[in-house]
Amino acid sequence: MAEAAAAAFERRDYRSSLAALMSDPSATKSESRRFKHNFIVTDYLRSGSSDPVALMNSLAALDDPNEYSIDNRAVLQYNRAVLHVRVCEFGFARQLIAPIFDQRLNLRLDIGLSIRIALLLLEIFVRTLLLGNAEKVLEELITMRTQLLSNEPVASSTPIISLSELSFYIYLYQTRLHLLTRNEKSAKKTVKSAMQLLNKESNSSVAEIFTDIHKASALLVKARLECCTEKYVKSIKLLNNVKFSCPRDPVVSAVYLNNLGCLHFAMNRFTAAAFYFRRALAQPGAETNCSLGPRIRFNCGMQRLHSPGVSAIKEISASASFLFGSSWIWIQLGLAAVKEHALFRSKDSFATRSHDNRLNPTPRVFLKVPSDPPQSVLKVLQRGYSFFRNGLSLSPSASIIEVAFLGIAYICLCLSRFSEAINWLSHIKPGSALDSASLLLARLYRCEALCGINRIKEGMASLFEVLQKQNDPGPDEDMASLFASLCSVQCLSNNYKDALSNALKAHAANVNDIVVLRDIMFLLLRFQAYSEAVYLLYHRTPPNSLPH
């Protein structure tokens, strides 16, 4: 009976497998535990895999190293790890199976179970971006494939997946690793090998092995490769083929729509991206799926983060707890907190902090102190401070670290912690990994912090130093911010004549900056130039008679 139940299980005929198990009485205490394990796993799959957490708890209650043989406990640990991966608890899954895989030779695990554990470990390492560990496991998998290719007899109580299917998985994981390391050329070769393996329809045995899910997986990876090389039209065609390969599978439909949203996001079509993300969440079971749902909600939050006038922190923070806590995710949470404050400032009656599509808040030393943010916004800023600090502690990347420095400095300025802002900005050196726009932000932040502690002359000198390095101050938003900040600092030092000159230069660089027009109006009224002020009020541009 046990053999019949195992055969039905491998055919995914869980109803027949469950019936065979029910008619197979267990004899010993050990066999009773094994029977319970097989029964609850089969019943879980028969019922549609609806509650992985309940099954996880049931399997954990069965785990007793004194009552199991090595192979049976390894199977139990493997199944528990699969469930932890299902709910995105990668750390727990790794703790369960990594020691077994490392000691598989000493434990004398059969090769069938070793391959399954290796594939699961590979998925964990790829999802958690532990690429060095993933490469080592991939090498072990290739060694196992070589062992199977040698015509030596291999004893295994666990069914061994076919060589074609194993090769297919190896090619896919190699492609994913090449994509993560930005090696598009090698990724193209390996995904081509996977597609060629799938296209061997003339071989009936291979055709029986591969299902529509295998085809959809290969097409998804290939579509991602084309997206990374900015071949968006080709990527969309491949994604449409994914939809046609599994038209009735709601999970595949949700993944297809989510990836379409990501593709439009990469093309800066944020409205279209939001449409596809909403449709993905509307697929049956997508929102409650422990693995897929948080990813789609996180993508919705990222889309809102790049859309003007909408808050994103709720969506990102609600889903980020289900995702692996990489430094990049913490940085996005910090940026969402910064945007929450920027939205509050945009409603200020006098002053706003504008921001571009990269979400870099433009600093400005304002002539009028804006209203204090409410307690809710202050709490969001304090959370953002923690988010950036978490990203700072996890990241090995110099560019991400310095983005965190900028974000923390911005929040310190918002909370009037000027000395702390200067301290964080001091870590950003001239030869850093940041681009020129971000380096300009850092210098402007430093100027604002210096003015906040009444070191106005130092702040002005810092701005002049930046201005001297600009060879071509053309019509650019960065130059507008620079001249407008210089105008405000000169007002603080009662140098109104030079302040007006720099305000006019800021307007010439960006004629749409309403804050610059208000600065010019303030200075015209200061000089009692009422006719010029009236002209500015009606025409929304300064008269040509003013010196530039």
Protein backbone atom coordinates (compact mmCIF):
# COMPACT_ATOMS: atom_id res chain seq x y z
CA MET A 1 0.00 0.00 0.00
CA ALA A 2 2.85 2.39 0.80
CA GLU A 3 4.28 1.95 -2.71
CA ALA A 4 0.87 2.63 -4.28
CA ALA A 5 0.45 5.79 -2.18
CA ALA A 6 3.93 7.01 -3.19
CA ALA A 7 3.27 6.33 -6.87
CA ALA A 8 -0.04 8.21 -6.79
CA PHE A 9 1.66 11.09 -4.95
CA GLU A 10 4.33 11.39 -7.66
CA ARG A 11 1.55 11.48 -10.30
CA ARG A 12 -0.04 14.32 -8.27
CA ASP A 13 -3.13 12.15 -7.79
CA TYR A 14 -3.48 13.17 -4.15
CA ARG A 15 -6.98 11.75 -3.71
CA SER A 16 -5.82 8.22 -4.64
CA SER A 17 -2.66 8.64 -2.58
CA LEU A 18 -4.72 9.61 0.46
CA ALA A 19 -7.02 6.60 -0.03
CA ALA A 20 -4.01 4.26 -0.21
CA LEU A 21 -2.57 5.76 2.97
CA MET A 22 -5.86 5.31 4.83
CA SER A 23 -5.85 1.60 4.00
CA ASP A 24 -2.22 1.11 5.16
CA PRO A 25 -2.12 0.66 8.98
CA SER A 26 1.12 1.65 10.73
CA ALA A 27 2.84 -0.89 12.94
CA THR A 28 5.36 0.95 15.09
CA LYS A 29 5.58 4.31 16.78
CA SER A 30 8.13 5.49 14.21
CA GLU A 31 5.92 4.31 11.35
CA SER A 32 2.98 6.07 13.02
CA ARG A 33 4.84 9.40 12.89
CA ARG A 34 5.80 8.78 9.28
CA PHE A 35 2.17 7.93 8.47
CA LYS A 36 0.95 11.15 10.10
CA HIS A 37 3.52 13.15 8.15
CA ASN A 38 2.52 11.60 4.82
CA PHE A 39 -1.17 11.90 5.62
CA ILE A 40 -1.21 15.62 6.54
CA VAL A 41 1.07 16.58 3.59
CA THR A 42 -1.10 14.68 1.10
CA ASP A 43 -4.30 16.07 2.57
CA TYR A 44 -2.86 19.60 2.41
CA LEU A 45 -2.09 19.22 -1.31
CA ARG A 46 -5.45 17.56 -2.00
CA SER A 47 -7.31 20.47 -0.40
CA GLY A 48 -5.58 23.06 -2.58
CA SER A 49 -2.63 24.17 -0.40
CA SER A 50 -4.77 26.84 1.25
CA ASP A 51 -3.19 27.13 4.73
CA PRO A 52 0.60 26.65 4.74
CA VAL A 53 1.00 28.05 8.27
CA ALA A 54 -1.30 25.40 9.77
CA LEU A 55 0.61 22.63 8.00
CA MET A 56 3.89 24.18 9.12
CA ASN A 57 2.78 24.01 12.75
CA SER A 58 1.59 20.40 12.34
CA LEU A 59 4.90 19.29 10.87
CA ALA A 60 6.86 21.11 13.58
CA ALA A 61 4.88 19.17 16.20
CA LEU A 62 5.94 15.91 14.54
CA ASP A 63 9.66 16.76 14.51
CA ASP A 64 11.47 14.60 17.05
CA PRO A 65 15.08 13.59 16.28
CA ASN A 66 14.83 10.60 18.66
CA GLU A 67 11.86 9.09 16.83
CA TYR A 68 12.99 9.41 13.20
CA SER A 69 15.57 7.81 10.96
CA ILE A 70 17.98 10.22 9.27
CA ASP A 71 16.26 10.02 5.87
CA ASN A 72 12.75 10.41 7.26
CA ARG A 73 13.72 13.44 9.38
CA ALA A 74 15.50 15.01 6.40
CA VAL A 75 12.27 14.67 4.39
CA LEU A 76 10.33 16.29 7.25
CA GLN A 77 12.83 19.16 7.49
CA TYR A 78 12.69 19.61 3.72
CA ASN A 79 8.89 19.86 3.72
CA ARG A 80 8.97 22.34 6.58
CA ALA A 81 11.52 24.41 4.66
CA VAL A 82 9.29 24.39 1.56
CA LEU A 83 6.46 25.85 3.64
CA HIS A 84 8.72 28.52 5.15
CA VAL A 85 9.76 29.54 1.62
CA ARG A 86 6.08 29.64 0.67
CA VAL A 87 5.48 32.31 3.33
CA CYS A 88 8.80 34.07 2.55
CA GLU A 89 10.53 33.05 5.82
CA PHE A 90 13.82 32.34 4.11
CA GLY A 91 15.97 32.49 7.23
CA PHE A 92 13.99 29.71 8.97
CA ALA A 93 14.01 27.61 5.79
CA ARG A 94 17.77 27.94 5.48
CA GLN A 95 18.31 26.92 9.12
CA LEU A 96 16.31 23.75 8.52
CA ILE A 97 18.01 22.39 5.39
CA ALA A 98 21.43 24.05 5.02
CA PRO A 99 23.05 21.85 7.77
CA ILE A 100 21.53 18.73 6.20
CA PHE A 101 22.88 19.65 2.77
CA ASP A 102 26.35 20.44 4.12
CA GLN A 103 26.51 17.06 5.92
CA ARG A 104 24.73 15.00 3.26
CA LEU A 105 27.79 12.83 2.61
CA ASN A 106 28.27 12.00 6.29
CA LEU A 107 24.53 11.42 6.69
CA ARG A 108 24.53 9.31 3.50
CA LEU A 109 21.45 10.98 2.09
CA ASP A 110 20.20 9.50 -1.16
CA ILE A 111 20.83 11.55 -4.29
CA GLY A 112 17.13 12.14 -5.03
CA LEU A 113 16.57 13.94 -1.73
CA SER A 114 19.92 15.76 -2.03
CA ILE A 115 18.88 17.20 -5.42
CA ARG A 116 15.56 18.43 -4.05
CA ILE A 117 17.25 20.06 -1.05
CA ALA A 118 19.86 21.65 -3.33
CA LEU A 119 17.17 23.15 -5.60
CA LEU A 120 15.31 24.59 -2.61
CA LEU A 121 18.53 26.00 -1.12
CA LEU A 122 19.35 27.53 -4.49
CA GLU A 123 15.97 29.29 -4.55
CA ILE A 124 16.54 30.59 -1.01
CA PHE A 125 20.01 31.96 -1.80
CA VAL A 126 18.84 33.61 -5.03
CA ARG A 127 15.83 35.21 -3.34
CA THR A 128 17.99 36.51 -0.48
CA LEU A 129 20.77 37.66 -2.86
CA LEU A 130 23.43 35.40 -1.30
CA LEU A 131 24.98 34.91 -4.71
CA GLY A 132 28.24 33.32 -3.54
CA ASN A 133 26.34 30.61 -1.66
CA ALA A 134 24.04 30.11 -4.65
CA GLU A 135 27.00 29.54 -6.97
CA LYS A 136 28.43 26.89 -4.63
CA VAL A 137 25.12 25.00 -4.50
CA LEU A 138 24.83 25.26 -8.28
CA GLU A 139 28.27 23.67 -8.64
CA GLU A 140 27.14 20.80 -6.38
CA LEU A 141 24.02 20.34 -8.53
CA ILE A 142 26.15 20.13 -11.68
CA THR A 143 28.30 17.51 -9.93
CA MET A 144 25.17 15.48 -9.09
CA ARG A 145 24.03 15.71 -12.70
CA THR A 146 27.43 14.42 -13.83
CA GLN A 147 27.09 11.54 -11.38
CA LEU A 148 23.71 10.66 -12.87
CA LEU A 149 25.07 10.91 -16.41
CA SER A 150 27.67 8.23 -15.61
CA ASN A 151 25.91 4.93 -16.16
CA GLU A 152 26.75 3.73 -12.66
CA PRO A 153 23.74 2.42 -10.68
CA VAL A 154 22.45 4.91 -8.09
CA ALA A 155 20.32 3.76 -5.16
CA SER A 156 17.75 6.31 -3.99
CA SER A 157 14.58 5.87 -1.95
CA THR A 158 13.44 9.36 -3.02
CA PRO A 159 12.30 9.57 -6.67
CA ILE A 160 15.00 11.23 -8.79
CA ILE A 161 13.90 13.94 -11.20
CA SER A 162 14.86 13.31 -14.81
CA LEU A 163 18.18 14.51 -16.21
CA SER A 164 16.35 16.78 -18.66
CA GLU A 165 14.37 18.47 -15.90
CA LEU A 166 17.47 18.84 -13.72
CA SER A 167 19.38 20.39 -16.62
CA PHE A 168 16.46 22.74 -17.25
CA TYR A 169 16.50 23.97 -13.63
CA ILE A 170 20.29 24.39 -13.72
CA TYR A 171 20.04 26.55 -16.87
CA LEU A 172 17.28 28.71 -15.33
CA TYR A 173 19.18 29.32 -12.10
CA GLN A 174 22.35 30.07 -14.03
CA THR A 175 20.39 32.67 -16.01
CA ARG A 176 18.98 34.24 -12.85
CA LEU A 177 22.44 34.45 -11.30
CA HIS A 178 23.87 36.03 -14.46
CA LEU A 179 21.05 38.60 -14.41
CA LEU A 180 21.72 39.46 -10.78
CA THR A 181 25.42 39.95 -11.56
CA ARG A 182 24.54 41.99 -14.70
CA ASN A 183 26.15 39.48 -17.04
CA GLU A 184 23.55 39.70 -19.82
CA LYS A 185 25.72 37.94 -22.41
CA SER A 186 26.07 34.75 -20.33
CA ALA A 187 22.40 34.97 -19.28
CA LYS A 188 21.36 34.99 -22.93
CA LYS A 189 23.37 31.80 -23.59
CA THR A 190 21.98 29.86 -20.63
CA VAL A 191 18.34 30.82 -21.18
CA LYS A 192 18.76 29.84 -24.84
CA SER A 193 19.90 26.39 -23.67
CA ALA A 194 16.82 26.12 -21.44
CA MET A 195 14.51 27.08 -24.31
CA GLN A 196 16.20 24.58 -26.65
CA LEU A 197 15.64 21.85 -24.07
CA LEU A 198 11.95 22.75 -23.96
CA ASN A 199 11.60 22.81 -27.74
CA LYS A 200 12.62 19.15 -28.21
CA GLU A 201 9.01 18.17 -28.89
CA SER A 202 10.08 15.34 -31.19
CA ASN A 203 11.38 13.42 -28.15
CA SER A 204 8.23 12.04 -26.53
CA SER A 205 9.90 11.35 -23.17
CA VAL A 206 11.05 14.97 -22.85
CA ALA A 207 7.65 16.24 -23.92
CA GLU A 208 6.01 14.27 -21.09
CA ILE A 209 8.42 15.63 -18.49
CA PHE A 210 7.94 19.32 -19.15
CA THR A 211 4.62 20.96 -18.31
CA ASP A 212 3.13 24.35 -19.09
CA ILE A 213 4.58 25.62 -15.81
CA HIS A 214 8.10 24.80 -17.02
CA LYS A 215 7.46 26.70 -20.25
CA ALA A 216 6.01 29.67 -18.37
CA SER A 217 9.03 29.75 -16.02
CA ALA A 218 11.50 29.83 -18.94
CA LEU A 219 9.51 32.52 -20.75
CA LEU A 220 9.36 34.67 -17.60
CA VAL A 221 13.13 34.50 -17.14
CA LYS A 222 13.73 35.27 -20.83
CA ALA A 223 11.29 38.22 -20.66
CA ARG A 224 13.19 39.56 -17.66
CA LEU A 225 16.44 39.29 -19.61
CA GLU A 226 14.99 41.27 -22.52
CA CYS A 227 13.69 43.90 -20.08
CA CYS A 228 17.16 44.23 -18.51
CA THR A 229 18.61 44.90 -21.99
CA GLU A 230 15.80 47.46 -22.62
CA LYS A 231 14.18 45.39 -25.39
CA TYR A 232 10.72 46.15 -24.06
CA VAL A 233 8.64 45.17 -27.11
CA LYS A 234 10.26 41.72 -27.23
CA SER A 235 9.76 41.35 -23.48
CA ILE A 236 6.03 42.11 -23.83
CA LYS A 237 5.68 39.47 -26.58
CA LEU A 238 7.33 36.87 -24.34
CA LEU A 239 5.04 37.77 -21.43
CA ASN A 240 2.00 37.37 -23.71
CA ASN A 241 3.28 33.86 -24.52
CA VAL A 242 3.39 33.17 -20.76
CA LYS A 243 -0.30 34.04 -20.55
CA PHE A 244 -1.14 31.77 -23.48
CA SER A 245 0.86 28.85 -22.02
CA CYS A 246 -1.27 28.71 -18.83
CA PRO A 247 -4.50 30.60 -19.59
CA ARG A 248 -6.50 29.14 -16.68
CA ASP A 249 -3.93 29.30 -13.89
CA PRO A 250 -4.73 32.33 -11.66
CA VAL A 251 -1.22 32.37 -10.17
CA VAL A 252 0.40 32.50 -13.61
CA SER A 253 -2.08 35.23 -14.61
CA ALA A 254 -1.16 37.26 -11.53
CA VAL A 255 2.58 36.84 -12.23
CA TYR A 256 2.02 37.80 -15.88
CA LEU A 257 0.13 40.99 -14.96
CA ASN A 258 2.63 41.87 -12.23
CA ASN A 259 5.55 41.50 -14.65
CA LEU A 260 3.72 43.61 -17.24
CA GLY A 261 3.38 46.28 -14.56
CA CYS A 262 7.11 46.04 -13.79
CA LEU A 263 7.86 46.37 -17.51
CA HIS A 264 5.80 49.56 -17.82
CA PHE A 265 7.41 50.82 -14.61
CA ALA A 266 10.83 50.34 -16.24
CA MET A 267 9.59 52.44 -19.18
CA ASN A 268 8.47 55.21 -16.73
CA ARG A 269 4.81 54.56 -17.61
CA PHE A 270 3.65 54.72 -14.02
CA THR A 271 -0.09 55.01 -14.72
CA ALA A 272 -0.05 51.89 -16.90
CA ALA A 273 2.05 50.11 -14.25
CA ALA A 274 -0.54 50.91 -11.58
CA PHE A 275 -3.30 49.49 -13.82
CA TYR A 276 -1.52 46.15 -14.25
CA PHE A 277 -0.59 45.90 -10.55
CA ARG A 278 -4.25 46.41 -9.58
CA ARG A 279 -5.33 43.74 -12.07
CA ALA A 280 -2.70 41.36 -10.69
CA LEU A 281 -4.02 41.79 -7.15
CA ALA A 282 -7.57 41.22 -8.42
CA GLN A 283 -6.72 37.69 -9.64
CA PRO A 284 -8.28 34.92 -7.49
CA GLY A 285 -6.07 34.16 -4.51
CA ALA A 286 -3.32 36.62 -5.49
CA GLU A 287 -3.75 39.03 -2.59
CA THR A 288 -3.81 36.25 0.02
CA ASN A 289 -0.88 34.38 -1.54
CA CYS A 290 1.89 34.65 1.08
CA SER A 291 4.64 34.86 -1.55
CA LEU A 292 3.06 36.65 -4.51
CA GLY A 293 0.71 39.07 -2.73
CA PRO A 294 3.39 41.04 -0.81
CA ARG A 295 5.49 41.36 -3.97
CA ILE A 296 2.63 42.88 -5.96
CA ARG A 297 1.69 45.22 -3.09
CA PHE A 298 5.32 46.29 -2.79
CA ASN A 299 5.39 47.02 -6.51
CA CYS A 300 2.20 49.09 -6.08
CA GLY A 301 4.00 51.06 -3.39
CA MET A 302 7.02 51.62 -5.64
CA GLN A 303 4.72 52.89 -8.39
CA ARG A 304 3.10 55.33 -5.95
CA LEU A 305 6.55 56.38 -4.78
CA HIS A 306 7.31 57.58 -8.31
CA SER A 307 3.90 59.20 -8.89
CA PRO A 308 3.45 62.85 -7.87
CA GLY A 309 1.03 63.80 -5.14
CA VAL A 310 0.34 60.34 -3.65
CA SER A 311 1.58 58.64 -0.50
CA ALA A 312 3.48 55.36 -0.75
CA ILE A 313 4.65 54.48 2.75
CA LYS A 314 1.52 52.54 3.71
CA GLU A 315 1.76 50.12 0.77
CA ILE A 316 5.52 49.63 1.02
CA SER A 317 5.66 49.17 4.80
CA ALA A 318 2.65 46.81 4.81
CA SER A 319 4.30 44.46 2.30
CA ALA A 320 7.98 44.88 3.14
CA SER A 321 7.65 42.86 6.35
CA PHE A 322 6.88 39.77 4.20
CA LEU A 323 9.89 40.32 1.95
CA PHE A 324 13.54 39.65 2.64
CA GLY A 325 14.98 42.66 4.49
CA SER A 326 17.63 43.74 2.03
CA SER A 327 19.22 47.16 2.27
CA TRP A 328 17.47 48.26 -0.94
CA ILE A 329 14.02 47.67 0.59
CA TRP A 330 14.95 49.69 3.69
CA ILE A 331 16.15 52.54 1.46
CA GLN A 332 12.81 52.51 -0.41
CA LEU A 333 10.98 52.69 2.91
CA GLY A 334 13.12 55.66 3.87
CA LEU A 335 12.37 57.39 0.56
CA ALA A 336 8.65 56.77 1.12
CA ALA A 337 8.94 58.53 4.50
CA VAL A 338 10.75 61.45 2.82
CA LYS A 339 7.98 61.69 0.25
CA GLU A 340 5.37 61.77 3.02
CA HIS A 341 7.06 64.89 4.40
CA ALA A 342 7.41 66.35 0.88
CA LEU A 343 3.65 65.94 0.39
CA PHE A 344 3.04 67.89 3.60
CA ARG A 345 5.42 70.64 2.48
CA SER A 346 3.71 70.85 -0.92
CA LYS A 347 0.54 71.97 0.89
CA ASP A 348 2.35 74.80 2.67
CA SER A 349 0.90 78.21 1.78
CA PHE A 350 4.31 79.77 1.20
CA ALA A 351 7.15 77.30 0.69
CA THR A 352 7.52 73.91 -0.93
CA ARG A 353 10.33 71.43 -1.39
CA SER A 354 10.09 70.22 -4.96
CA HIS A 355 11.38 66.79 -5.98
CA ASP A 356 12.12 65.12 -9.31
CA ASN A 357 11.34 61.61 -10.57
CA ARG A 358 14.35 60.23 -8.70
CA LEU A 359 12.75 61.40 -5.46
CA ASN A 360 15.68 63.60 -4.55
CA PRO A 361 14.14 66.39 -2.43
CA THR A 362 15.47 69.78 -3.52
CA PRO A 363 16.82 71.68 -0.49
CA ARG A 364 16.13 75.34 -0.10
CA VAL A 365 16.93 77.83 2.65
CA PHE A 366 13.57 79.61 2.78
CA LEU A 367 12.95 83.26 3.56
CA LYS A 368 10.00 82.33 5.73
CA VAL A 369 9.97 79.48 8.24
CA PRO A 370 7.29 77.00 7.08
CA SER A 371 4.63 75.65 9.39
CA ASP A 372 5.63 72.79 11.67
CA PRO A 373 4.58 69.32 10.49
CA PRO A 374 1.85 67.52 12.46
CA GLN A 375 2.70 64.74 14.87
CA SER A 376 1.81 62.05 12.33
CA VAL A 377 4.35 63.40 9.82
CA LEU A 378 6.99 63.69 12.56
CA LYS A 379 6.45 60.02 13.43
CA VAL A 380 6.85 59.07 9.77
CA LEU A 381 10.11 61.03 9.63
CA GLN A 382 11.40 59.27 12.73
CA ARG A 383 10.50 55.91 11.15
CA GLY A 384 12.27 57.01 7.98
CA TYR A 385 15.38 57.74 10.04
CA SER A 386 15.30 54.15 11.34
CA PHE A 387 14.67 52.78 7.84
CA PHE A 388 17.73 54.52 6.42
CA ARG A 389 19.85 53.39 9.38
CA ASN A 390 18.75 49.77 8.79
CA GLY A 391 19.63 50.03 5.10
CA LEU A 392 22.96 51.55 6.08
CA SER A 393 23.80 48.63 8.35
CA LEU A 394 22.92 45.95 5.78
CA SER A 395 24.38 47.32 2.56
CA PRO A 396 27.88 46.54 1.25
CA SER A 397 27.33 48.94 -1.68
CA ALA A 398 29.01 52.36 -1.49
CA SER A 399 26.31 53.99 -3.64
CA ILE A 400 23.46 52.71 -1.43
CA ILE A 401 25.34 53.75 1.70
CA GLU A 402 25.72 57.30 0.44
CA VAL A 403 22.06 57.48 -0.62
CA ALA A 404 21.26 56.54 2.98
CA PHE A 405 23.54 59.34 4.19
CA LEU A 406 21.59 61.81 2.02
CA GLY A 407 18.24 60.52 3.27
CA ILE A 408 19.28 60.72 6.93
CA ALA A 409 20.63 64.25 6.40
CA TYR A 410 17.32 65.33 4.85
CA ILE A 411 15.35 63.96 7.81
CA CYS A 412 17.75 65.63 10.26
CA LEU A 413 17.13 68.96 8.50
CA CYS A 414 13.36 68.44 8.72
CA LEU A 415 13.68 67.73 12.45
CA SER A 416 16.02 70.76 12.95
CA ARG A 417 18.91 68.50 13.98
CA PHE A 418 21.41 70.56 12.00
CA SER A 419 24.65 69.44 13.65
CA GLU A 420 23.73 65.79 13.14
CA ALA A 421 22.95 66.50 9.47
CA ILE A 422 26.44 68.02 9.02
CA ASN A 423 27.96 64.94 10.65
CA TRP A 424 26.20 62.53 8.26
CA LEU A 425 27.06 64.67 5.23
CA SER A 426 30.73 64.67 6.20
CA HIS A 427 30.85 60.96 5.23
CA ILE A 428 30.17 61.86 1.58
CA LYS A 429 33.52 62.62 -0.02
CA PRO A 430 34.12 64.43 -3.37
CA GLY A 431 35.21 61.18 -5.08
CA SER A 432 32.13 59.26 -3.98
CA ALA A 433 29.97 56.89 -6.03
CA LEU A 434 27.10 59.40 -6.23
CA ASP A 435 26.26 61.22 -9.45
CA SER A 436 26.78 64.97 -9.84
CA ALA A 437 23.14 65.80 -9.02
CA SER A 438 23.30 63.90 -5.73
CA LEU A 439 26.63 65.53 -4.84
CA LEU A 440 24.98 68.90 -5.43
CA LEU A 441 22.17 67.85 -3.10
CA ALA A 442 24.71 66.97 -0.42
CA ARG A 443 26.36 70.40 -0.74
CA LEU A 444 23.01 72.21 -0.58
CA TYR A 445 21.96 70.18 2.45
CA ARG A 446 25.21 71.15 4.16
CA CYS A 447 24.59 74.83 3.41
CA GLU A 448 21.10 74.63 4.90
CA ALA A 449 22.43 72.90 8.01
CA LEU A 450 25.17 75.52 8.45
CA CYS A 451 22.61 78.32 8.18
CA GLY A 452 20.47 76.50 10.73
CA ILE A 453 23.24 76.82 13.32
CA ASN A 454 23.96 80.45 12.28
CA ARG A 455 27.17 79.69 10.37
CA ILE A 456 25.92 81.67 7.40
CA LYS A 457 29.30 82.69 5.97
CA GLU A 458 30.44 79.05 5.83
CA GLY A 459 27.22 78.09 4.09
CA MET A 460 27.66 80.84 1.53
CA ALA A 461 31.27 79.82 0.89
CA SER A 462 30.12 76.25 0.32
CA LEU A 463 27.63 77.41 -2.33
CA PHE A 464 30.18 79.63 -4.08
CA GLU A 465 32.54 76.67 -4.25
CA VAL A 466 29.88 74.64 -6.06
CA LEU A 467 29.08 77.55 -8.37
CA GLN A 468 32.71 77.88 -9.41
CA LYS A 469 32.78 74.22 -10.48
CA GLN A 470 29.79 74.65 -12.80
CA ASN A 471 31.22 75.30 -16.24
CA ASP A 472 27.93 75.75 -18.10
CA PRO A 473 25.15 77.11 -15.86
CA GLY A 474 22.38 76.66 -18.45
CA PRO A 475 18.61 76.31 -17.87
CA ASP A 476 18.70 73.45 -15.40
CA GLU A 477 16.68 72.67 -12.25
CA ASP A 478 19.83 71.91 -10.28
CA MET A 479 21.24 75.36 -11.14
CA ALA A 480 17.90 76.93 -10.18
CA SER A 481 18.12 75.30 -6.75
CA LEU A 482 21.72 76.47 -6.38
CA PHE A 483 21.00 80.11 -7.26
CA ALA A 484 17.79 80.19 -5.18
CA SER A 485 19.59 78.82 -2.12
CA LEU A 486 22.38 81.36 -2.63
CA CYS A 487 19.72 84.09 -2.80
CA SER A 488 18.22 83.00 0.52
CA VAL A 489 21.61 82.81 2.26
CA GLN A 490 22.51 86.31 1.04
CA CYS A 491 19.19 87.57 2.40
CA LEU A 492 20.10 86.09 5.76
CA SER A 493 23.35 88.08 5.62
CA ASN A 494 21.45 91.28 4.56
CA ASN A 495 23.08 91.30 1.10
CA TYR A 496 19.82 91.97 -0.75
CA LYS A 497 21.34 93.33 -3.98
CA ASP A 498 23.28 90.13 -4.74
CA ALA A 499 20.32 88.12 -3.51
CA LEU A 500 18.08 89.70 -6.17
CA SER A 501 20.67 88.99 -8.85
CA ASN A 502 20.84 85.32 -7.90
CA ALA A 503 17.02 85.06 -7.67
CA LEU A 504 16.79 86.33 -11.27
CA LYS A 505 19.39 83.76 -12.34
CA ALA A 506 17.37 81.05 -10.62
CA HIS A 507 14.26 82.17 -12.50
CA ALA A 508 16.17 82.11 -15.80
CA ALA A 509 17.26 78.53 -15.07
CA ASN A 510 13.74 77.37 -14.16
CA VAL A 511 10.88 79.71 -15.09
CA ASN A 512 8.30 77.37 -13.52
CA ASP A 513 9.65 77.60 -9.95
CA ILE A 514 6.96 79.50 -8.05
CA VAL A 515 9.14 79.77 -4.94
CA VAL A 516 11.74 81.75 -6.89
CA LEU A 517 9.03 84.18 -8.01
CA ARG A 518 8.02 84.69 -4.39
CA ASP A 519 11.66 85.36 -3.48
CA ILE A 520 11.86 87.98 -6.24
CA MET A 521 8.60 89.54 -5.02
CA PHE A 522 9.99 89.70 -1.48
CA LEU A 523 13.15 91.45 -2.67
CA LEU A 524 11.31 93.90 -4.95
CA LEU A 525 9.12 94.93 -2.04
CA ARG A 526 12.25 95.22 0.08
CA PHE A 527 13.68 97.69 -2.47
CA GLN A 528 10.26 99.42 -2.70
CA ALA A 529 10.16 98.68 -6.44
CA TYR A 530 6.37 98.59 -6.47
CA SER A 531 5.81 98.91 -10.23
CA GLU A 532 8.15 96.00 -10.92
CA ALA A 533 6.36 94.01 -8.20
CA VAL A 534 2.97 94.68 -9.84
CA TYR A 535 4.39 93.60 -13.21
CA LEU A 536 5.64 90.40 -11.63
CA LEU A 537 2.28 89.78 -9.99
CA TYR A 538 0.32 90.05 -13.26
CA HIS A 539 2.77 88.52 -15.74
CA ARG A 540 4.40 85.92 -13.44
CA THR A 541 7.80 86.91 -14.78
CA PRO A 542 10.12 89.77 -13.74
CA PRO A 543 10.34 92.80 -16.06
CA ASN A 544 13.27 93.01 -18.48
CA SER A 545 14.39 96.23 -16.85
CA LEU A 546 15.73 94.34 -13.85
CA PRO A 547 19.50 93.63 -14.02
CA HIS A 548 20.51 89.96 -14.49
